[in-house]
Amino acid sequence: MLREITGVTQDSAGHTRRWFHDDFFDLFVRQDRDGEIVGLELCYGVGHAERALVWKKGLGHFHDGPEAPPIARRRRRPGASV
């Protein structure tokens, strides 16, 4: 379960930065002066191939980090269903 980390350094843009953490994820939330969420970063894979799903108001979302490894192709037998 994500738990909020307190005492997070705030940025100079006037946004409130919040940090939530558990064993698998870090979630960073940025809020404007009115409390509206203006950015999110969900980080995962810490320690081996850290990646993040990022969303910024007005810009949309993207996936950041190293390329995901190619999915291993399964050998298909004739007549086998997908």
PDB file of N, CA and C in Angstrom:
ATOM      1  N   MET A   1       0.834  -1.158   0.000  1.00  0.00           N
ATOM      2  CA  MET A   1       0.000   0.000   0.000  1.00  0.00           C
ATOM      3  C   MET A   1       0.893   1.241   0.000  1.00  0.00           C
ATOM      4  N   LEU A   2       0.560   2.204  -0.858  1.00  0.00           N
ATOM      5  CA  LEU A   2       1.325   3.445  -0.919  1.00  0.00           C
ATOM      6  C   LEU A   2       1.119   4.266   0.352  1.00  0.00           C
ATOM      7  N   ARG A   3       2.218   4.800   0.854  1.00  0.00           N
ATOM      8  CA  ARG A   3       2.156   5.674   2.027  1.00  0.00           C
ATOM      9  C   ARG A   3       2.854   6.990   1.675  1.00  0.00           C
ATOM     10  N   GLU A   4       2.298   8.087   2.187  1.00  0.00           N
ATOM     11  CA  GLU A   4       2.865   9.390   1.857  1.00  0.00           C
ATOM     12  C   GLU A   4       4.143   9.644   2.655  1.00  0.00           C
ATOM     13  N   ILE A   5       5.157  10.138   1.945  1.00  0.00           N
ATOM     14  CA  ILE A   5       6.416  10.555   2.551  1.00  0.00           C
ATOM     15  C   ILE A   5       6.280  12.053   2.841  1.00  0.00           C
ATOM     16  N   THR A   6       6.566  12.444   4.059  1.00  0.00           N
ATOM     17  CA  THR A   6       6.426  13.850   4.425  1.00  0.00           C
ATOM     18  C   THR A   6       7.779  14.566   4.332  1.00  0.00           C
ATOM     19  N   GLY A   7       7.741  15.884   4.346  1.00  0.00           N
ATOM     20  CA  GLY A   7       8.972  16.668   4.313  1.00  0.00           C
ATOM     21  C   GLY A   7       9.602  16.761   2.941  1.00  0.00           C
ATOM     22  N   VAL A   8       8.799  16.621   1.878  1.00  0.00           N
ATOM     23  CA  VAL A   8       9.311  16.649   0.509  1.00  0.00           C
ATOM     24  C   VAL A   8       9.711  18.083   0.147  1.00  0.00           C
ATOM     25  N   THR A   9      10.862  18.244  -0.473  1.00  0.00           N
ATOM     26  CA  THR A   9      11.310  19.562  -0.928  1.00  0.00           C
ATOM     27  C   THR A   9      10.354  20.063  -1.999  1.00  0.00           C
ATOM     28  N   GLN A  10       9.941  21.318  -1.870  1.00  0.00           N
ATOM     29  CA  GLN A  10       8.998  21.903  -2.820  1.00  0.00           C
ATOM     30  C   GLN A  10       9.748  22.600  -3.952  1.00  0.00           C
ATOM     31  N   ASP A  11       9.125  22.646  -5.145  1.00  0.00           N
ATOM     32  CA  ASP A  11       9.790  23.280  -6.282  1.00  0.00           C
ATOM     33  C   ASP A  11       9.507  24.782  -6.318  1.00  0.00           C
ATOM     34  N   SER A  12      10.242  25.482  -7.152  1.00  0.00           N
ATOM     35  CA  SER A  12      10.129  26.933  -7.209  1.00  0.00           C
ATOM     36  C   SER A  12       8.957  27.413  -8.062  1.00  0.00           C
ATOM     37  N   ALA A  13       8.263  26.505  -8.741  1.00  0.00           N
ATOM     38  CA  ALA A  13       7.138  26.885  -9.597  1.00  0.00           C
ATOM     39  C   ALA A  13       5.868  27.151  -8.786  1.00  0.00           C
ATOM     40  N   GLY A  14       5.935  26.968  -7.485  1.00  0.00           N
ATOM     41  CA  GLY A  14       4.770  27.210  -6.651  1.00  0.00           C
ATOM     42  C   GLY A  14       3.833  26.029  -6.560  1.00  0.00           C
ATOM     43  N   HIS A  15       4.231  24.904  -7.119  1.00  0.00           N
ATOM     44  CA  HIS A  15       3.422  23.695  -7.032  1.00  0.00           C
ATOM     45  C   HIS A  15       3.765  22.941  -5.755  1.00  0.00           C
ATOM     46  N   THR A  16       2.774  22.294  -5.199  1.00  0.00           N
ATOM     47  CA  THR A  16       3.007  21.412  -4.055  1.00  0.00           C
ATOM     48  C   THR A  16       3.419  20.056  -4.599  1.00  0.00           C
ATOM     49  N   ARG A  17       4.522  19.539  -4.101  1.00  0.00           N
ATOM     50  CA  ARG A  17       4.990  18.212  -4.506  1.00  0.00           C
ATOM     51  C   ARG A  17       4.665  17.234  -3.395  1.00  0.00           C
ATOM     52  N   ARG A  18       4.089  16.086  -3.775  1.00  0.00           N
ATOM     53  CA  ARG A  18       3.782  15.025  -2.817  1.00  0.00           C
ATOM     54  C   ARG A  18       4.406  13.735  -3.325  1.00  0.00           C
ATOM     55  N   TRP A  19       4.829  12.882  -2.386  1.00  0.00           N
ATOM     56  CA  TRP A  19       5.513  11.639  -2.724  1.00  0.00           C
ATOM     57  C   TRP A  19       4.861  10.513  -1.941  1.00  0.00           C
ATOM     58  N   PHE A  20       4.468   9.473  -2.659  1.00  0.00           N
ATOM     59  CA  PHE A  20       3.887   8.277  -2.057  1.00  0.00           C
ATOM     60  C   PHE A  20       4.773   7.095  -2.448  1.00  0.00           C
ATOM     61  N   HIS A  21       4.977   6.143  -1.532  1.00  0.00           N
ATOM     62  CA  HIS A  21       5.949   5.070  -1.755  1.00  0.00           C
ATOM     63  C   HIS A  21       5.445   3.749  -1.186  1.00  0.00           C
ATOM     64  N   ASP A  22       5.798   2.652  -1.861  1.00  0.00           N
ATOM     65  CA  ASP A  22       5.675   1.309  -1.286  1.00  0.00           C
ATOM     66  C   ASP A  22       6.833   0.481  -1.821  1.00  0.00           C
ATOM     67  N   ASP A  23       6.785  -0.820  -1.650  1.00  0.00           N
ATOM     68  CA  ASP A  23       7.895  -1.682  -2.066  1.00  0.00           C
ATOM     69  C   ASP A  23       8.081  -1.756  -3.574  1.00  0.00           C
ATOM     70  N   PHE A  24       7.081  -1.391  -4.344  1.00  0.00           N
ATOM     71  CA  PHE A  24       7.129  -1.546  -5.793  1.00  0.00           C
ATOM     72  C   PHE A  24       7.051  -0.237  -6.568  1.00  0.00           C
ATOM     73  N   PHE A  25       6.437   0.780  -5.996  1.00  0.00           N
ATOM     74  CA  PHE A  25       6.162   2.012  -6.730  1.00  0.00           C
ATOM     75  C   PHE A  25       6.533   3.250  -5.934  1.00  0.00           C
ATOM     76  N   ASP A  26       6.832   4.314  -6.678  1.00  0.00           N
ATOM     77  CA  ASP A  26       6.898   5.672  -6.145  1.00  0.00           C
ATOM     78  C   ASP A  26       5.929   6.486  -6.989  1.00  0.00           C
ATOM     79  N   LEU A  27       5.060   7.225  -6.342  1.00  0.00           N
ATOM     80  CA  LEU A  27       4.104   8.086  -7.030  1.00  0.00           C
ATOM     81  C   LEU A  27       4.388   9.514  -6.609  1.00  0.00           C
ATOM     82  N   PHE A  28       4.686  10.364  -7.587  1.00  0.00           N
ATOM     83  CA  PHE A  28       4.927  11.772  -7.344  1.00  0.00           C
ATOM     84  C   PHE A  28       3.757  12.549  -7.925  1.00  0.00           C
ATOM     85  N   VAL A  29       3.194  13.439  -7.104  1.00  0.00           N
ATOM     86  CA  VAL A  29       2.028  14.229  -7.498  1.00  0.00           C
ATOM     87  C   VAL A  29       2.389  15.697  -7.348  1.00  0.00           C
ATOM     88  N   ARG A  30       2.061  16.489  -8.368  1.00  0.00           N
ATOM     89  CA  ARG A  30       2.235  17.941  -8.297  1.00  0.00           C
ATOM     90  C   ARG A  30       0.859  18.582  -8.344  1.00  0.00           C
ATOM     91  N   GLN A  31       0.625  19.502  -7.429  1.00  0.00           N
ATOM     92  CA  GLN A  31      -0.655  20.208  -7.366  1.00  0.00           C
ATOM     93  C   GLN A  31      -0.397  21.712  -7.427  1.00  0.00           C
ATOM     94  N   ASP A  32      -1.329  22.441  -8.085  1.00  0.00           N
ATOM     95  CA  ASP A  32      -1.187  23.895  -8.135  1.00  0.00           C
ATOM     96  C   ASP A  32      -1.681  24.511  -6.831  1.00  0.00           C
ATOM     97  N   ARG A  33      -1.685  25.819  -6.758  1.00  0.00           N
ATOM     98  CA  ARG A  33      -2.070  26.519  -5.524  1.00  0.00           C
ATOM     99  C   ARG A  33      -3.514  26.242  -5.108  1.00  0.00           C
ATOM    100  N   ASP A  34      -4.363  25.871  -6.083  1.00  0.00           N
ATOM    101  CA  ASP A  34      -5.768  25.562  -5.787  1.00  0.00           C
ATOM    102  C   ASP A  34      -5.986  24.091  -5.441  1.00  0.00           C
ATOM    103  N   GLY A  35      -4.926  23.289  -5.460  1.00  0.00           N
ATOM    104  CA  GLY A  35      -5.040  21.866  -5.141  1.00  0.00           C
ATOM    105  C   GLY A  35      -5.308  20.986  -6.348  1.00  0.00           C
ATOM    106  N   GLU A  36      -5.398  21.600  -7.547  1.00  0.00           N
ATOM    107  CA  GLU A  36      -5.638  20.804  -8.755  1.00  0.00           C
ATOM    108  C   GLU A  36      -4.365  20.048  -9.135  1.00  0.00           C
ATOM    109  N   ILE A  37      -4.521  18.785  -9.502  1.00  0.00           N
ATOM    110  CA  ILE A  37      -3.372  17.977  -9.918  1.00  0.00           C
ATOM    111  C   ILE A  37      -2.924  18.439 -11.299  1.00  0.00           C
ATOM    112  N   VAL A  38      -1.634  18.783 -11.414  1.00  0.00           N
ATOM    113  CA  VAL A  38      -1.087  19.257 -12.682  1.00  0.00           C
ATOM    114  C   VAL A  38      -0.002  18.322 -13.218  1.00  0.00           C
ATOM    115  N   GLY A  39       0.354  17.295 -12.451  1.00  0.00           N
ATOM    116  CA  GLY A  39       1.341  16.335 -12.913  1.00  0.00           C
ATOM    117  C   GLY A  39       1.399  15.105 -12.034  1.00  0.00           C
ATOM    118  N   LEU A  40       1.686  13.961 -12.670  1.00  0.00           N
ATOM    119  CA  LEU A  40       1.821  12.673 -11.973  1.00  0.00           C
ATOM    120  C   LEU A  40       3.003  11.923 -12.558  1.00  0.00           C
ATOM    121  N   GLU A  41       3.733  11.204 -11.728  1.00  0.00           N
ATOM    122  CA  GLU A  41       4.763  10.267 -12.183  1.00  0.00           C
ATOM    123  C   GLU A  41       4.632   9.000 -11.360  1.00  0.00           C
ATOM    124  N   LEU A  42       4.340   7.898 -12.017  1.00  0.00           N
ATOM    125  CA  LEU A  42       4.301   6.599 -11.358  1.00  0.00           C
ATOM    126  C   LEU A  42       5.561   5.849 -11.775  1.00  0.00           C
ATOM    127  N   CYS A  43       6.499   5.713 -10.845  1.00  0.00           N
ATOM    128  CA  CYS A  43       7.798   5.093 -11.126  1.00  0.00           C
ATOM    129  C   CYS A  43       7.808   3.659 -10.613  1.00  0.00           C
ATOM    130  N   TYR A  44       8.449   2.790 -11.394  1.00  0.00           N
ATOM    131  CA  TYR A  44       8.536   1.381 -11.007  1.00  0.00           C
ATOM    132  C   TYR A  44       9.802   0.776 -11.592  1.00  0.00           C
ATOM    133  N   GLY A  45      10.156  -0.396 -11.115  1.00  0.00           N
ATOM    134  CA  GLY A  45      11.350  -1.084 -11.598  1.00  0.00           C
ATOM    135  C   GLY A  45      12.632  -0.563 -10.970  1.00  0.00           C
ATOM    136  N   VAL A  46      12.533   0.044  -9.803  1.00  0.00           N
ATOM    137  CA  VAL A  46      13.709   0.591  -9.135  1.00  0.00           C
ATOM    138  C   VAL A  46      14.709  -0.532  -8.874  1.00  0.00           C
ATOM    139  N   GLY A  47      15.952  -0.270  -9.200  1.00  0.00           N
ATOM    140  CA  GLY A  47      17.000  -1.244  -8.931  1.00  0.00           C
ATOM    141  C   GLY A  47      17.400  -2.076 -10.133  1.00  0.00           C
ATOM    142  N   HIS A  48      16.573  -2.099 -11.189  1.00  0.00           N
ATOM    143  CA  HIS A  48      16.999  -2.869 -12.353  1.00  0.00           C
ATOM    144  C   HIS A  48      16.690  -2.174 -13.670  1.00  0.00           C
ATOM    145  N   ALA A  49      15.535  -1.681 -13.895  1.00  0.00           N
ATOM    146  CA  ALA A  49      15.192  -0.985 -15.140  1.00  0.00           C
ATOM    147  C   ALA A  49      14.079   0.010 -14.831  1.00  0.00           C
ATOM    148  N   GLU A  50      14.448   1.057 -14.112  1.00  0.00           N
ATOM    149  CA  GLU A  50      13.428   1.999 -13.652  1.00  0.00           C
ATOM    150  C   GLU A  50      12.716   2.659 -14.828  1.00  0.00           C
ATOM    151  N   ARG A  51      11.402   2.686 -14.743  1.00  0.00           N
ATOM    152  CA  ARG A  51      10.558   3.303 -15.762  1.00  0.00           C
ATOM    153  C   ARG A  51       9.519   4.147 -15.056  1.00  0.00           C
ATOM    154  N   ALA A  52       8.846   5.001 -15.820  1.00  0.00           N
ATOM    155  CA  ALA A  52       7.831   5.861 -15.220  1.00  0.00           C
ATOM    156  C   ALA A  52       6.737   6.148 -16.232  1.00  0.00           C
ATOM    157  N   LEU A  53       5.517   6.148 -15.749  1.00  0.00           N
ATOM    158  CA  LEU A  53       4.378   6.624 -16.514  1.00  0.00           C
ATOM    159  C   LEU A  53       4.166   8.055 -16.039  1.00  0.00           C
ATOM    160  N   VAL A  54       4.277   9.008 -16.957  1.00  0.00           N
ATOM    161  CA  VAL A  54       4.254  10.426 -16.610  1.00  0.00           C
ATOM    162  C   VAL A  54       3.063  11.096 -17.277  1.00  0.00           C
ATOM    163  N   TRP A  55       2.372  11.959 -16.536  1.00  0.00           N
ATOM    164  CA  TRP A  55       1.297  12.781 -17.093  1.00  0.00           C
ATOM    165  C   TRP A  55       1.491  14.204 -16.612  1.00  0.00           C
ATOM    166  N   LYS A  56       1.389  15.148 -17.570  1.00  0.00           N
ATOM    167  CA  LYS A  56       1.474  16.569 -17.240  1.00  0.00           C
ATOM    168  C   LYS A  56       0.300  17.287 -17.875  1.00  0.00           C
ATOM    169  N   LYS A  57      -0.377  18.096 -17.080  1.00  0.00           N
ATOM    170  CA  LYS A  57      -1.530  18.847 -17.563  1.00  0.00           C
ATOM    171  C   LYS A  57      -1.123  19.690 -18.778  1.00  0.00           C
ATOM    172  N   GLY A  58      -1.923  19.599 -19.811  1.00  0.00           N
ATOM    173  CA  GLY A  58      -1.661  20.354 -21.027  1.00  0.00           C
ATOM    174  C   GLY A  58      -0.708  19.679 -21.987  1.00  0.00           C
ATOM    175  N   LEU A  59       0.013  18.673 -21.536  1.00  0.00           N
ATOM    176  CA  LEU A  59       0.970  17.977 -22.397  1.00  0.00           C
ATOM    177  C   LEU A  59       0.577  16.534 -22.656  1.00  0.00           C
ATOM    178  N   GLY A  60      -0.172  15.934 -21.748  1.00  0.00           N
ATOM    179  CA  GLY A  60      -0.571  14.540 -21.910  1.00  0.00           C
ATOM    180  C   GLY A  60       0.356  13.602 -21.151  1.00  0.00           C
ATOM    181  N   HIS A  61       0.409  12.352 -21.622  1.00  0.00           N
ATOM    182  CA  HIS A  61       1.185  11.340 -20.909  1.00  0.00           C
ATOM    183  C   HIS A  61       2.217  10.702 -21.824  1.00  0.00           C
ATOM    184  N   PHE A  62       3.225  10.091 -21.191  1.00  0.00           N
ATOM    185  CA  PHE A  62       4.232   9.324 -21.926  1.00  0.00           C
ATOM    186  C   PHE A  62       4.866   8.329 -20.968  1.00  0.00           C
ATOM    187  N   HIS A  63       5.535   7.351 -21.545  1.00  0.00           N
ATOM    188  CA  HIS A  63       6.237   6.327 -20.778  1.00  0.00           C
ATOM    189  C   HIS A  63       7.717   6.661 -20.870  1.00  0.00           C
ATOM    190  N   ASP A  64       8.382   6.794 -19.743  1.00  0.00           N
ATOM    191  CA  ASP A  64       9.777   7.205 -19.702  1.00  0.00           C
ATOM    192  C   ASP A  64      10.630   6.061 -19.168  1.00  0.00           C
ATOM    193  N   GLY A  65      11.868   5.977 -19.643  1.00  0.00           N
ATOM    194  CA  GLY A  65      12.793   4.960 -19.167  1.00  0.00           C
ATOM    195  C   GLY A  65      13.304   4.116 -20.314  1.00  0.00           C
ATOM    196  N   PRO A  66      14.119   3.115 -19.994  1.00  0.00           N
ATOM    197  CA  PRO A  66      14.679   2.259 -21.054  1.00  0.00           C
ATOM    198  C   PRO A  66      13.587   1.474 -21.763  1.00  0.00           C
ATOM    199  N   GLU A  67      13.866   1.126 -22.988  1.00  0.00           N
ATOM    200  CA  GLU A  67      12.926   0.320 -23.764  1.00  0.00           C
ATOM    201  C   GLU A  67      12.626  -0.983 -23.045  1.00  0.00           C
ATOM    202  N   ALA A  68      11.384  -1.403 -23.115  1.00  0.00           N
ATOM    203  CA  ALA A  68      11.009  -2.700 -22.549  1.00  0.00           C
ATOM    204  C   ALA A  68      11.642  -3.793 -23.394  1.00  0.00           C
ATOM    205  N   PRO A  69      12.085  -4.884 -22.770  1.00  0.00           N
ATOM    206  CA  PRO A  69      12.678  -5.969 -23.554  1.00  0.00           C
ATOM    207  C   PRO A  69      11.633  -6.575 -24.477  1.00  0.00           C
ATOM    208  N   PRO A  70      12.068  -7.064 -25.649  1.00  0.00           N
ATOM    209  CA  PRO A  70      11.100  -7.667 -26.563  1.00  0.00           C
ATOM    210  C   PRO A  70      10.416  -8.868 -25.914  1.00  0.00           C
ATOM    211  N   ILE A  71       9.164  -9.022 -26.224  1.00  0.00           N
ATOM    212  CA  ILE A  71       8.407 -10.153 -25.685  1.00  0.00           C
ATOM    213  C   ILE A  71       8.872 -11.417 -26.398  1.00  0.00           C
ATOM    214  N   ALA A  72       9.183 -12.419 -25.613  1.00  0.00           N
ATOM    215  CA  ALA A  72       9.616 -13.690 -26.206  1.00  0.00           C
ATOM    216  C   ALA A  72       8.477 -14.275 -27.023  1.00  0.00           C
ATOM    217  N   ARG A  73       8.790 -14.679 -28.208  1.00  0.00           N
ATOM    218  CA  ARG A  73       7.766 -15.266 -29.068  1.00  0.00           C
ATOM    219  C   ARG A  73       7.590 -16.734 -28.726  1.00  0.00           C
ATOM    220  N   ARG A  74       6.351 -17.125 -28.631  1.00  0.00           N
ATOM    221  CA  ARG A  74       6.061 -18.533 -28.348  1.00  0.00           C
ATOM    222  C   ARG A  74       6.021 -19.301 -29.662  1.00  0.00           C
ATOM    223  N   ARG A  75       6.504 -20.486 -29.607  1.00  0.00           N
ATOM    224  CA  ARG A  75       6.389 -21.352 -30.780  1.00  0.00           C
ATOM    225  C   ARG A  75       4.948 -21.771 -30.913  1.00  0.00           C
ATOM    226  N   ARG A  76       4.419 -21.612 -32.080  1.00  0.00           N
ATOM    227  CA  ARG A  76       3.018 -21.978 -32.303  1.00  0.00           C
ATOM    228  C   ARG A  76       2.972 -23.292 -33.056  1.00  0.00           C
ATOM    229  N   ARG A  77       2.152 -24.165 -32.555  1.00  0.00           N
ATOM    230  CA  ARG A  77       1.930 -25.452 -33.214  1.00  0.00           C
ATOM    231  C   ARG A  77       0.811 -25.284 -34.226  1.00  0.00           C
ATOM    232  N   PRO A  78       0.883 -25.966 -35.314  1.00  0.00           N
ATOM    233  CA  PRO A  78      -0.232 -25.901 -36.267  1.00  0.00           C
ATOM    234  C   PRO A  78      -1.539 -26.255 -35.554  1.00  0.00           C
ATOM    235  N   GLY A  79      -2.541 -25.420 -35.756  1.00  0.00           N
ATOM    236  CA  GLY A  79      -3.843 -25.675 -35.167  1.00  0.00           C
ATOM    237  C   GLY A  79      -3.983 -25.160 -33.754  1.00  0.00           C
ATOM    238  N   ALA A  80      -2.913 -24.636 -33.161  1.00  0.00           N
ATOM    239  CA  ALA A  80      -2.992 -24.124 -31.800  1.00  0.00           C
ATOM    240  C   ALA A  80      -3.684 -22.766 -31.821  1.00  0.00           C
ATOM    241  N   SER A  81      -4.508 -22.525 -30.823  1.00  0.00           N
ATOM    242  CA  SER A  81      -5.167 -21.224 -30.752  1.00  0.00           C
ATOM    243  C   SER A  81      -4.246 -20.191 -30.130  1.00  0.00           C
ATOM    244  N   VAL A  82      -4.488 -18.946 -30.444  1.00  0.00           N
ATOM    245  CA  VAL A  82      -3.645 -17.863 -29.942  1.00  0.00           C
ATOM    246  C   VAL A  82      -3.957 -17.590 -28.498  1.00  0.00           C
TER     247      VAL A  82
END
